[in-house]
Amino acid sequence: LSCEASGSISGLYLMAWYRRAPGLQRDFVANIGSAGDTTYADY
């Protein structure tokens, strides 16, 4: 999967992936900071 951001972005920001299965809540998948630090859901 690919995600592209556009527009004026200032300051520090994270980019993240979430997912939502039918009938279920939105779940965190992973994120990444500007310096490349990552966090993943256990699953």
PDB file of all heavy atoms in Angstrom:
ATOM      1  N   LEU A   1       0.830  -1.181   0.000  1.00  0.00           N
ATOM      2  CA  LEU A   1       0.000   0.000   0.000  1.00  0.00           C
ATOM      3  C   LEU A   1       0.872   1.241   0.000  1.00  0.00           C
ATOM      4  O   LEU A   1       1.962   1.249   0.571  1.00  0.00           O
ATOM      5  CB  LEU A   1      -0.922   0.027   1.223  1.00  0.00           C
ATOM      6  CG  LEU A   1      -1.786  -1.209   1.466  1.00  0.00           C
ATOM      7  CD1 LEU A   1      -2.676  -0.979   2.684  1.00  0.00           C
ATOM      8  CD2 LEU A   1      -2.611  -1.545   0.238  1.00  0.00           C
ATOM      9  N   SER A   2       0.373   2.282  -0.630  1.00  0.00           N
ATOM     10  CA  SER A   2       1.099   3.530  -0.686  1.00  0.00           C
ATOM     11  C   SER A   2       0.179   4.664  -0.282  1.00  0.00           C
ATOM     12  O   SER A   2      -1.025   4.642  -0.554  1.00  0.00           O
ATOM     13  CB  SER A   2       1.656   3.776  -2.090  1.00  0.00           C
ATOM     14  OG  SER A   2       2.438   4.955  -2.134  1.00  0.00           O
ATOM     15  N   CYS A   3       0.748   5.652   0.350  1.00  0.00           N
ATOM     16  CA  CYS A   3       0.012   6.831   0.801  1.00  0.00           C
ATOM     17  C   CYS A   3       0.831   8.060   0.451  1.00  0.00           C
ATOM     18  O   CYS A   3       2.023   8.132   0.770  1.00  0.00           O
ATOM     19  CB  CYS A   3      -0.237   6.748   2.303  1.00  0.00           C
ATOM     20  SG  CYS A   3      -0.906   8.250   3.048  1.00  0.00           S
ATOM     21  N   GLU A   4       0.190   9.010  -0.192  1.00  0.00           N
ATOM     22  CA  GLU A   4       0.861  10.253  -0.549  1.00  0.00           C
ATOM     23  C   GLU A   4       0.150  11.431   0.103  1.00  0.00           C
ATOM     24  O   GLU A   4      -1.070  11.559  -0.008  1.00  0.00           O
ATOM     25  CB  GLU A   4       0.911  10.446  -2.061  1.00  0.00           C
ATOM     26  CG  GLU A   4       1.646  11.712  -2.478  1.00  0.00           C
ATOM     27  CD  GLU A   4       1.815  11.833  -3.971  1.00  0.00           C
ATOM     28  OE1 GLU A   4       1.351  10.946  -4.703  1.00  0.00           O
ATOM     29  OE2 GLU A   4       2.435  12.824  -4.417  1.00  0.00           O
ATOM     30  N   ALA A   5       0.921  12.252   0.757  1.00  0.00           N
ATOM     31  CA  ALA A   5       0.393  13.465   1.370  1.00  0.00           C
ATOM     32  C   ALA A   5       0.751  14.667   0.518  1.00  0.00           C
ATOM     33  O   ALA A   5       1.849  14.748  -0.036  1.00  0.00           O
ATOM     34  CB  ALA A   5       0.943  13.643   2.780  1.00  0.00           C
ATOM     35  N   SER A   6      -0.169  15.591   0.426  1.00  0.00           N
ATOM     36  CA  SER A   6       0.067  16.816  -0.321  1.00  0.00           C
ATOM     37  C   SER A   6      -0.411  18.007   0.491  1.00  0.00           C
ATOM     38  O   SER A   6      -1.202  17.868   1.423  1.00  0.00           O
ATOM     39  CB  SER A   6      -0.639  16.778  -1.677  1.00  0.00           C
ATOM     40  OG  SER A   6      -2.046  16.671  -1.521  1.00  0.00           O
ATOM     41  N   GLY A   7       0.065  19.171   0.117  1.00  0.00           N
ATOM     42  CA  GLY A   7      -0.269  20.375   0.843  1.00  0.00           C
ATOM     43  C   GLY A   7       0.885  20.824   1.715  1.00  0.00           C
ATOM     44  O   GLY A   7       1.952  20.206   1.747  1.00  0.00           O
ATOM     45  N   SER A   8       0.665  21.888   2.424  1.00  0.00           N
ATOM     46  CA  SER A   8       1.689  22.470   3.272  1.00  0.00           C
ATOM     47  C   SER A   8       1.653  21.813   4.645  1.00  0.00           C
ATOM     48  O   SER A   8       0.662  21.902   5.362  1.00  0.00           O
ATOM     49  CB  SER A   8       1.482  23.977   3.395  1.00  0.00           C
ATOM     50  OG  SER A   8       2.475  24.568   4.200  1.00  0.00           O
ATOM     51  N   ILE A   9       2.753  21.156   4.992  1.00  0.00           N
ATOM     52  CA  ILE A   9       2.878  20.482   6.276  1.00  0.00           C
ATOM     53  C   ILE A   9       4.007  21.141   7.051  1.00  0.00           C
ATOM     54  O   ILE A   9       5.141  21.212   6.570  1.00  0.00           O
ATOM     55  CB  ILE A   9       3.162  18.987   6.109  1.00  0.00           C
ATOM     56  CG1 ILE A   9       2.112  18.339   5.205  1.00  0.00           C
ATOM     57  CG2 ILE A   9       3.211  18.291   7.462  1.00  0.00           C
ATOM     58  CD1 ILE A   9       2.451  16.928   4.791  1.00  0.00           C
ATOM     59  N   SER A  10       3.712  21.599   8.240  1.00  0.00           N
ATOM     60  CA  SER A  10       4.701  22.267   9.064  1.00  0.00           C
ATOM     61  C   SER A  10       4.905  21.509  10.368  1.00  0.00           C
ATOM     62  O   SER A  10       3.982  20.879  10.899  1.00  0.00           O
ATOM     63  CB  SER A  10       4.287  23.714   9.358  1.00  0.00           C
ATOM     64  OG  SER A  10       3.065  23.767  10.062  1.00  0.00           O
ATOM     65  N   GLY A  11       6.114  21.588  10.880  1.00  0.00           N
ATOM     66  CA  GLY A  11       6.425  20.966  12.147  1.00  0.00           C
ATOM     67  C   GLY A  11       6.568  19.458  12.042  1.00  0.00           C
ATOM     68  O   GLY A  11       6.571  18.873  10.956  1.00  0.00           O
ATOM     69  N   LEU A  12       6.674  18.824  13.189  1.00  0.00           N
ATOM     70  CA  LEU A  12       6.797  17.374  13.241  1.00  0.00           C
ATOM     71  C   LEU A  12       5.455  16.717  12.938  1.00  0.00           C
ATOM     72  O   LEU A  12       4.408  17.231  13.306  1.00  0.00           O
ATOM     73  CB  LEU A  12       7.282  16.938  14.619  1.00  0.00           C
ATOM     74  CG  LEU A  12       8.659  17.429  15.045  1.00  0.00           C
ATOM     75  CD1 LEU A  12       8.942  16.992  16.477  1.00  0.00           C
ATOM     76  CD2 LEU A  12       9.736  16.911  14.103  1.00  0.00           C
ATOM     77  N   TYR A  13       5.509  15.590  12.269  1.00  0.00           N
ATOM     78  CA  TYR A  13       4.283  14.861  11.996  1.00  0.00           C
ATOM     79  C   TYR A  13       4.577  13.379  11.855  1.00  0.00           C
ATOM     80  O   TYR A  13       5.676  12.971  11.490  1.00  0.00           O
ATOM     81  CB  TYR A  13       3.564  15.390  10.753  1.00  0.00           C
ATOM     82  CG  TYR A  13       4.323  15.220   9.453  1.00  0.00           C
ATOM     83  CD1 TYR A  13       4.046  14.153   8.606  1.00  0.00           C
ATOM     84  CD2 TYR A  13       5.295  16.137   9.063  1.00  0.00           C
ATOM     85  CE1 TYR A  13       4.728  14.004   7.414  1.00  0.00           C
ATOM     86  CE2 TYR A  13       5.974  15.991   7.874  1.00  0.00           C
ATOM     87  CZ  TYR A  13       5.688  14.926   7.050  1.00  0.00           C
ATOM     88  OH  TYR A  13       6.360  14.772   5.862  1.00  0.00           O
ATOM     89  N   LEU A  14       3.578  12.588  12.174  1.00  0.00           N
ATOM     90  CA  LEU A  14       3.620  11.155  11.986  1.00  0.00           C
ATOM     91  C   LEU A  14       2.775  10.780  10.783  1.00  0.00           C
ATOM     92  O   LEU A  14       1.830  11.476  10.432  1.00  0.00           O
ATOM     93  CB  LEU A  14       3.071  10.424  13.217  1.00  0.00           C
ATOM     94  CG  LEU A  14       3.763  10.645  14.560  1.00  0.00           C
ATOM     95  CD1 LEU A  14       2.982   9.944  15.653  1.00  0.00           C
ATOM     96  CD2 LEU A  14       5.192  10.136  14.508  1.00  0.00           C
ATOM     97  N   MET A  15       3.109   9.665  10.176  1.00  0.00           N
ATOM     98  CA  MET A  15       2.235   9.052   9.198  1.00  0.00           C
ATOM     99  C   MET A  15       1.925   7.644   9.679  1.00  0.00           C
ATOM    100  O   MET A  15       2.803   6.950  10.191  1.00  0.00           O
ATOM    101  CB  MET A  15       2.857   9.047   7.808  1.00  0.00           C
ATOM    102  CG  MET A  15       3.111  10.460   7.281  1.00  0.00           C
ATOM    103  SD  MET A  15       3.554  10.528   5.527  1.00  0.00           S
ATOM    104  CE  MET A  15       1.931  10.249   4.784  1.00  0.00           C
ATOM    105  N   ALA A  16       0.683   7.250   9.520  1.00  0.00           N
ATOM    106  CA  ALA A  16       0.224   6.016  10.133  1.00  0.00           C
ATOM    107  C   ALA A  16      -0.746   5.283   9.224  1.00  0.00           C
ATOM    108  O   ALA A  16      -1.357   5.869   8.326  1.00  0.00           O
ATOM    109  CB  ALA A  16      -0.458   6.302  11.476  1.00  0.00           C
ATOM    110  N   TRP A  17      -0.881   3.992   9.472  1.00  0.00           N
ATOM    111  CA  TRP A  17      -1.886   3.165   8.834  1.00  0.00           C
ATOM    112  C   TRP A  17      -2.826   2.612   9.896  1.00  0.00           C
ATOM    113  O   TRP A  17      -2.381   2.146  10.953  1.00  0.00           O
ATOM    114  CB  TRP A  17      -1.261   1.999   8.060  1.00  0.00           C
ATOM    115  CG  TRP A  17      -0.575   2.420   6.802  1.00  0.00           C
ATOM    116  CD1 TRP A  17       0.749   2.675   6.628  1.00  0.00           C
ATOM    117  CD2 TRP A  17      -1.193   2.623   5.527  1.00  0.00           C
ATOM    118  NE1 TRP A  17       1.006   3.026   5.326  1.00  0.00           N
ATOM    119  CE2 TRP A  17      -0.177   3.001   4.631  1.00  0.00           C
ATOM    120  CE3 TRP A  17      -2.511   2.519   5.055  1.00  0.00           C
ATOM    121  CZ2 TRP A  17      -0.433   3.280   3.287  1.00  0.00           C
ATOM    122  CZ3 TRP A  17      -2.762   2.801   3.727  1.00  0.00           C
ATOM    123  CH2 TRP A  17      -1.724   3.179   2.859  1.00  0.00           C
ATOM    124  N   TYR A  18      -4.109   2.682   9.601  1.00  0.00           N
ATOM    125  CA  TYR A  18      -5.154   2.066  10.394  1.00  0.00           C
ATOM    126  C   TYR A  18      -5.978   1.175   9.474  1.00  0.00           C
ATOM    127  O   TYR A  18      -5.919   1.301   8.242  1.00  0.00           O
ATOM    128  CB  TYR A  18      -6.058   3.115  11.036  1.00  0.00           C
ATOM    129  CG  TYR A  18      -5.414   3.909  12.157  1.00  0.00           C
ATOM    130  CD1 TYR A  18      -4.506   4.924  11.886  1.00  0.00           C
ATOM    131  CD2 TYR A  18      -5.727   3.638  13.481  1.00  0.00           C
ATOM    132  CE1 TYR A  18      -3.920   5.647  12.901  1.00  0.00           C
ATOM    133  CE2 TYR A  18      -5.148   4.366  14.507  1.00  0.00           C
ATOM    134  CZ  TYR A  18      -4.247   5.367  14.208  1.00  0.00           C
ATOM    135  OH  TYR A  18      -3.674   6.092  15.227  1.00  0.00           O
ATOM    136  N   ARG A  19      -6.764   0.291  10.067  1.00  0.00           N
ATOM    137  CA  ARG A  19      -7.646  -0.531   9.260  1.00  0.00           C
ATOM    138  C   ARG A  19      -8.963  -0.753   9.978  1.00  0.00           C
ATOM    139  O   ARG A  19      -9.040  -0.713  11.202  1.00  0.00           O
ATOM    140  CB  ARG A  19      -7.002  -1.876   8.911  1.00  0.00           C
ATOM    141  CG  ARG A  19      -6.849  -2.850  10.071  1.00  0.00           C
ATOM    142  CD  ARG A  19      -6.042  -4.065   9.625  1.00  0.00           C
ATOM    143  NE  ARG A  19      -6.054  -5.127  10.618  1.00  0.00           N
ATOM    144  CZ  ARG A  19      -5.334  -6.243  10.520  1.00  0.00           C
ATOM    145  NH1 ARG A  19      -4.543  -6.439   9.460  1.00  0.00           N
ATOM    146  NH2 ARG A  19      -5.407  -7.153  11.475  1.00  0.00           N
ATOM    147  N   ARG A  20     -10.006  -0.993   9.177  1.00  0.00           N
ATOM    148  CA  ARG A  20     -11.331  -1.224   9.711  1.00  0.00           C
ATOM    149  C   ARG A  20     -11.973  -2.379   8.957  1.00  0.00           C
ATOM    150  O   ARG A  20     -12.243  -2.275   7.760  1.00  0.00           O
ATOM    151  CB  ARG A  20     -12.195   0.023   9.601  1.00  0.00           C
ATOM    152  CG  ARG A  20     -13.529  -0.100  10.320  1.00  0.00           C
ATOM    153  CD  ARG A  20     -14.358   1.164  10.164  1.00  0.00           C
ATOM    154  NE  ARG A  20     -15.532   1.134  11.015  1.00  0.00           N
ATOM    155  CZ  ARG A  20     -15.597   1.679  12.213  1.00  0.00           C
ATOM    156  NH1 ARG A  20     -14.552   2.321  12.709  1.00  0.00           N
ATOM    157  NH2 ARG A  20     -16.717   1.590  12.916  1.00  0.00           N
ATOM    158  N   ALA A  21     -12.197  -3.481   9.663  1.00  0.00           N
ATOM    159  CA  ALA A  21     -12.886  -4.629   9.089  1.00  0.00           C
ATOM    160  C   ALA A  21     -14.388  -4.440   9.229  1.00  0.00           C
ATOM    161  O   ALA A  21     -14.851  -3.711  10.106  1.00  0.00           O
ATOM    162  CB  ALA A  21     -12.440  -5.911   9.782  1.00  0.00           C
ATOM    163  N   PRO A  22     -15.177  -5.096   8.372  1.00  0.00           N
ATOM    164  CA  PRO A  22     -16.629  -4.937   8.457  1.00  0.00           C
ATOM    165  C   PRO A  22     -17.169  -5.286   9.831  1.00  0.00           C
ATOM    166  O   PRO A  22     -16.873  -6.347  10.382  1.00  0.00           O
ATOM    167  CB  PRO A  22     -17.148  -5.911   7.393  1.00  0.00           C
ATOM    168  CG  PRO A  22     -16.026  -6.029   6.419  1.00  0.00           C
ATOM    169  CD  PRO A  22     -14.780  -5.952   7.247  1.00  0.00           C
ATOM    170  N   GLY A  23     -17.938  -4.383  10.402  1.00  0.00           N
ATOM    171  CA  GLY A  23     -18.557  -4.608  11.694  1.00  0.00           C
ATOM    172  C   GLY A  23     -17.649  -4.419  12.888  1.00  0.00           C
ATOM    173  O   GLY A  23     -18.092  -4.620  14.024  1.00  0.00           O
ATOM    174  N   LEU A  24     -16.400  -4.051  12.667  1.00  0.00           N
ATOM    175  CA  LEU A  24     -15.445  -3.898  13.750  1.00  0.00           C
ATOM    176  C   LEU A  24     -14.951  -2.462  13.839  1.00  0.00           C
ATOM    177  O   LEU A  24     -15.142  -1.657  12.935  1.00  0.00           O
ATOM    178  CB  LEU A  24     -14.256  -4.845  13.554  1.00  0.00           C
ATOM    179  CG  LEU A  24     -14.585  -6.332  13.480  1.00  0.00           C
ATOM    180  CD1 LEU A  24     -13.322  -7.144  13.218  1.00  0.00           C
ATOM    181  CD2 LEU A  24     -15.265  -6.792  14.762  1.00  0.00           C
ATOM    182  N   GLN A  25     -14.302  -2.159  14.940  1.00  0.00           N
ATOM    183  CA  GLN A  25     -13.770  -0.818  15.133  1.00  0.00           C
ATOM    184  C   GLN A  25     -12.493  -0.620  14.328  1.00  0.00           C
ATOM    185  O   GLN A  25     -11.865  -1.574  13.870  1.00  0.00           O
ATOM    186  CB  GLN A  25     -13.505  -0.557  16.619  1.00  0.00           C
ATOM    187  CG  GLN A  25     -12.385  -1.389  17.209  1.00  0.00           C
ATOM    188  CD  GLN A  25     -12.154  -1.100  18.677  1.00  0.00           C
ATOM    189  OE1 GLN A  25     -13.100  -0.856  19.429  1.00  0.00           O
ATOM    190  NE2 GLN A  25     -10.901  -1.114  19.104  1.00  0.00           N
ATOM    191  N   ARG A  26     -12.131   0.616  14.170  1.00  0.00           N
ATOM    192  CA  ARG A  26     -10.885   0.955  13.503  1.00  0.00           C
ATOM    193  C   ARG A  26      -9.706   0.589  14.392  1.00  0.00           C
ATOM    194  O   ARG A  26      -9.675   0.941  15.577  1.00  0.00           O
ATOM    195  CB  ARG A  26     -10.874   2.450  13.172  1.00  0.00           C
ATOM    196  CG  ARG A  26      -9.639   2.920  12.414  1.00  0.00           C
ATOM    197  CD  ARG A  26      -9.684   4.428  12.248  1.00  0.00           C
ATOM    198  NE  ARG A  26      -9.659   5.099  13.533  1.00  0.00           N
ATOM    199  CZ  ARG A  26     -10.030   6.354  13.735  1.00  0.00           C
ATOM    200  NH1 ARG A  26     -10.468   7.086  12.710  1.00  0.00           N
ATOM    201  NH2 ARG A  26      -9.960   6.891  14.945  1.00  0.00           N
ATOM    202  N   ASP A  27      -8.735  -0.102  13.825  1.00  0.00           N
ATOM    203  CA  ASP A  27      -7.575  -0.567  14.574  1.00  0.00           C
ATOM    204  C   ASP A  27      -6.298   0.065  14.047  1.00  0.00           C
ATOM    205  O   ASP A  27      -6.125   0.258  12.840  1.00  0.00           O
ATOM    206  CB  ASP A  27      -7.435  -2.088  14.487  1.00  0.00           C
ATOM    207  CG  ASP A  27      -8.538  -2.825  15.211  1.00  0.00           C
ATOM    208  OD1 ASP A  27      -8.975  -2.353  16.276  1.00  0.00           O
ATOM    209  OD2 ASP A  27      -8.959  -3.889  14.708  1.00  0.00           O
ATOM    210  N   PHE A  28      -5.404   0.335  14.956  1.00  0.00           N
ATOM    211  CA  PHE A  28      -4.074   0.811  14.601  1.00  0.00           C
ATOM    212  C   PHE A  28      -3.269  -0.313  13.970  1.00  0.00           C
ATOM    213  O   PHE A  28      -3.306  -1.454  14.424  1.00  0.00           O
ATOM    214  CB  PHE A  28      -3.372   1.334  15.855  1.00  0.00           C
ATOM    215  CG  PHE A  28      -1.911   1.621  15.666  1.00  0.00           C
ATOM    216  CD1 PHE A  28      -1.493   2.782  15.029  1.00  0.00           C
ATOM    217  CD2 PHE A  28      -0.953   0.733  16.115  1.00  0.00           C
ATOM    218  CE1 PHE A  28      -0.149   3.060  14.857  1.00  0.00           C
ATOM    219  CE2 PHE A  28       0.392   0.997  15.946  1.00  0.00           C
ATOM    220  CZ  PHE A  28       0.790   2.162  15.313  1.00  0.00           C
ATOM    221  N   VAL A  29      -2.513   0.011  12.930  1.00  0.00           N
ATOM    222  CA  VAL A  29      -1.655  -0.950  12.257  1.00  0.00           C
ATOM    223  C   VAL A  29      -0.181  -0.620  12.480  1.00  0.00           C
ATOM    224  O   VAL A  29       0.586  -1.442  12.978  1.00  0.00           O
ATOM    225  CB  VAL A  29      -1.952  -1.026  10.749  1.00  0.00           C
ATOM    226  CG1 VAL A  29      -0.986  -1.983  10.053  1.00  0.00           C
ATOM    227  CG2 VAL A  29      -3.396  -1.460  10.513  1.00  0.00           C
ATOM    228  N   ALA A  30       0.224   0.584  12.098  1.00  0.00           N
ATOM    229  CA  ALA A  30       1.623   0.980  12.214  1.00  0.00           C
ATOM    230  C   ALA A  30       1.740   2.480  12.027  1.00  0.00           C
ATOM    231  O   ALA A  30       0.877   3.105  11.412  1.00  0.00           O
ATOM    232  CB  ALA A  30       2.491   0.260  11.174  1.00  0.00           C
ATOM    233  N   ASN A  31       2.808   3.045  12.551  1.00  0.00           N
ATOM    234  CA  ASN A  31       3.109   4.436  12.244  1.00  0.00           C
ATOM    235  C   ASN A  31       4.610   4.621  12.107  1.00  0.00           C
ATOM    236  O   ASN A  31       5.406   3.750  12.469  1.00  0.00           O
ATOM    237  CB  ASN A  31       2.494   5.419  13.250  1.00  0.00           C
ATOM    238  CG  ASN A  31       3.102   5.361  14.642  1.00  0.00           C
ATOM    239  OD1 ASN A  31       4.245   4.940  14.846  1.00  0.00           O
ATOM    240  ND2 ASN A  31       2.334   5.807  15.631  1.00  0.00           N
ATOM    241  N   ILE A  32       4.977   5.772  11.572  1.00  0.00           N
ATOM    242  CA  ILE A  32       6.381   6.092  11.361  1.00  0.00           C
ATOM    243  C   ILE A  32       6.569   7.584  11.526  1.00  0.00           C
ATOM    244  O   ILE A  32       5.774   8.393  11.029  1.00  0.00           O
ATOM    245  CB  ILE A  32       6.867   5.594   9.982  1.00  0.00           C
ATOM    246  CG1 ILE A  32       8.369   5.814   9.816  1.00  0.00           C
ATOM    247  CG2 ILE A  32       6.078   6.244   8.849  1.00  0.00           C
ATOM    248  CD1 ILE A  32       8.955   5.051   8.634  1.00  0.00           C
ATOM    249  N   GLY A  33       7.611   7.969  12.240  1.00  0.00           N
ATOM    250  CA  GLY A  33       7.920   9.359  12.463  1.00  0.00           C
ATOM    251  C   GLY A  33       8.836   9.915  11.396  1.00  0.00           C
ATOM    252  O   GLY A  33       9.305   9.215  10.498  1.00  0.00           O
ATOM    253  N   SER A  34       9.100  11.202  11.508  1.00  0.00           N
ATOM    254  CA  SER A  34       9.925  11.880  10.512  1.00  0.00           C
ATOM    255  C   SER A  34      11.336  11.308  10.446  1.00  0.00           C
ATOM    256  O   SER A  34      11.953  11.308   9.377  1.00  0.00           O
ATOM    257  CB  SER A  34       9.991  13.378  10.825  1.00  0.00           C
ATOM    258  OG  SER A  34       8.711  13.978  10.740  1.00  0.00           O
ATOM    259  N   ALA A  35      11.844  10.841  11.569  1.00  0.00           N
ATOM    260  CA  ALA A  35      13.187  10.275  11.623  1.00  0.00           C
ATOM    261  C   ALA A  35      13.222   8.798  11.277  1.00  0.00           C
ATOM    262  O   ALA A  35      14.304   8.202  11.296  1.00  0.00           O
ATOM    263  CB  ALA A  35      13.790  10.500  13.008  1.00  0.00           C
ATOM    264  N   GLY A  36      12.087   8.208  10.976  1.00  0.00           N
ATOM    265  CA  GLY A  36      12.037   6.814  10.595  1.00  0.00           C
ATOM    266  C   GLY A  36      11.741   5.848  11.718  1.00  0.00           C
ATOM    267  O   GLY A  36      11.769   4.630  11.494  1.00  0.00           O
ATOM    268  N   ASP A  37      11.467   6.341  12.906  1.00  0.00           N
ATOM    269  CA  ASP A  37      11.105   5.475  14.012  1.00  0.00           C
ATOM    270  C   ASP A  37       9.719   4.884  13.777  1.00  0.00           C
ATOM    271  O   ASP A  37       8.798   5.587  13.371  1.00  0.00           O
ATOM    272  CB  ASP A  37      11.147   6.242  15.335  1.00  0.00           C
ATOM    273  CG  ASP A  37      10.421   7.574  15.264  1.00  0.00           C
ATOM    274  OD1 ASP A  37      10.770   8.397  14.379  1.00  0.00           O
ATOM    275  OD2 ASP A  37       9.518   7.814  16.087  1.00  0.00           O
ATOM    276  N   THR A  38       9.573   3.594  14.048  1.00  0.00           N
ATOM    277  CA  THR A  38       8.350   2.879  13.705  1.00  0.00           C
ATOM    278  C   THR A  38       7.711   2.236  14.922  1.00  0.00           C
ATOM    279  O   THR A  38       8.381   1.892  15.897  1.00  0.00           O
ATOM    280  CB  THR A  38       8.624   1.793  12.657  1.00  0.00           C
ATOM    281  OG1 THR A  38       9.593   0.870  13.169  1.00  0.00           O
ATOM    282  CG2 THR A  38       9.152   2.405  11.376  1.00  0.00           C
ATOM    283  N   THR A  39       6.405   2.060  14.829  1.00  0.00           N
ATOM    284  CA  THR A  39       5.628   1.342  15.820  1.00  0.00           C
ATOM    285  C   THR A  39       4.648   0.440  15.088  1.00  0.00           C
ATOM    286  O   THR A  39       4.032   0.858  14.108  1.00  0.00           O
ATOM    287  CB  THR A  39       4.861   2.302  16.745  1.00  0.00           C
ATOM    288  OG1 THR A  39       5.781   3.168  17.408  1.00  0.00           O
ATOM    289  CG2 THR A  39       4.065   1.526  17.791  1.00  0.00           C
ATOM    290  N   TYR A  40       4.498  -0.800  15.566  1.00  0.00           N
ATOM    291  CA  TYR A  40       3.613  -1.769  14.935  1.00  0.00           C
ATOM    292  C   TYR A  40       2.634  -2.346  15.936  1.00  0.00           C
ATOM    293  O   TYR A  40       2.964  -2.547  17.107  1.00  0.00           O
ATOM    294  CB  TYR A  40       4.403  -2.931  14.331  1.00  0.00           C
ATOM    295  CG  TYR A  40       5.294  -2.546  13.179  1.00  0.00           C
ATOM    296  CD1 TYR A  40       6.636  -2.251  13.383  1.00  0.00           C
ATOM    297  CD2 TYR A  40       4.799  -2.496  11.882  1.00  0.00           C
ATOM    298  CE1 TYR A  40       7.452  -1.906  12.325  1.00  0.00           C
ATOM    299  CE2 TYR A  40       5.606  -2.148  10.822  1.00  0.00           C
ATOM    300  CZ  TYR A  40       6.938  -1.856  11.044  1.00  0.00           C
ATOM    301  OH  TYR A  40       7.745  -1.516   9.989  1.00  0.00           O
ATOM    302  N   ALA A  41       1.439  -2.631  15.455  1.00  0.00           N
ATOM    303  CA  ALA A  41       0.514  -3.433  16.230  1.00  0.00           C
ATOM    304  C   ALA A  41       1.050  -4.858  16.329  1.00  0.00           C
ATOM    305  O   ALA A  41       1.715  -5.353  15.411  1.00  0.00           O
ATOM    306  CB  ALA A  41      -0.868  -3.439  15.576  1.00  0.00           C
ATOM    307  N   ASP A  42       0.751  -5.519  17.441  1.00  0.00           N
ATOM    308  CA  ASP A  42       1.286  -6.860  17.660  1.00  0.00           C
ATOM    309  C   ASP A  42       0.875  -7.836  16.561  1.00  0.00           C
ATOM    310  O   ASP A  42       1.655  -8.724  16.188  1.00  0.00           O
ATOM    311  CB  ASP A  42       0.836  -7.391  19.020  1.00  0.00           C
ATOM    312  CG  ASP A  42       1.529  -6.706  20.178  1.00  0.00           C
ATOM    313  OD1 ASP A  42       2.586  -6.082  19.965  1.00  0.00           O
ATOM    314  OD2 ASP A  42       1.017  -6.805  21.304  1.00  0.00           O
ATOM    315  N   TYR A  43      -0.323  -7.689  16.044  1.00  0.00           N
ATOM    316  CA  TYR A  43      -0.830  -8.677  15.100  1.00  0.00           C
ATOM    317  C   TYR A  43      -0.232  -8.554  13.704  1.00  0.00           C
ATOM    318  O   TYR A  43      -0.455  -9.416  12.851  1.00  0.00           O
ATOM    319  CB  TYR A  43      -2.368  -8.623  15.034  1.00  0.00           C
ATOM    320  CG  TYR A  43      -2.951  -7.284  14.663  1.00  0.00           C
ATOM    321  CD1 TYR A  43      -3.109  -6.915  13.334  1.00  0.00           C
ATOM    322  CD2 TYR A  43      -3.368  -6.394  15.652  1.00  0.00           C
ATOM    323  CE1 TYR A  43      -3.656  -5.688  12.998  1.00  0.00           C
ATOM    324  CE2 TYR A  43      -3.912  -5.166  15.316  1.00  0.00           C
ATOM    325  CZ  TYR A  43      -4.056  -4.818  13.992  1.00  0.00           C
ATOM    326  OH  TYR A  43      -4.609  -3.599  13.655  1.00  0.00           O
TER     327      TYR A  43
END
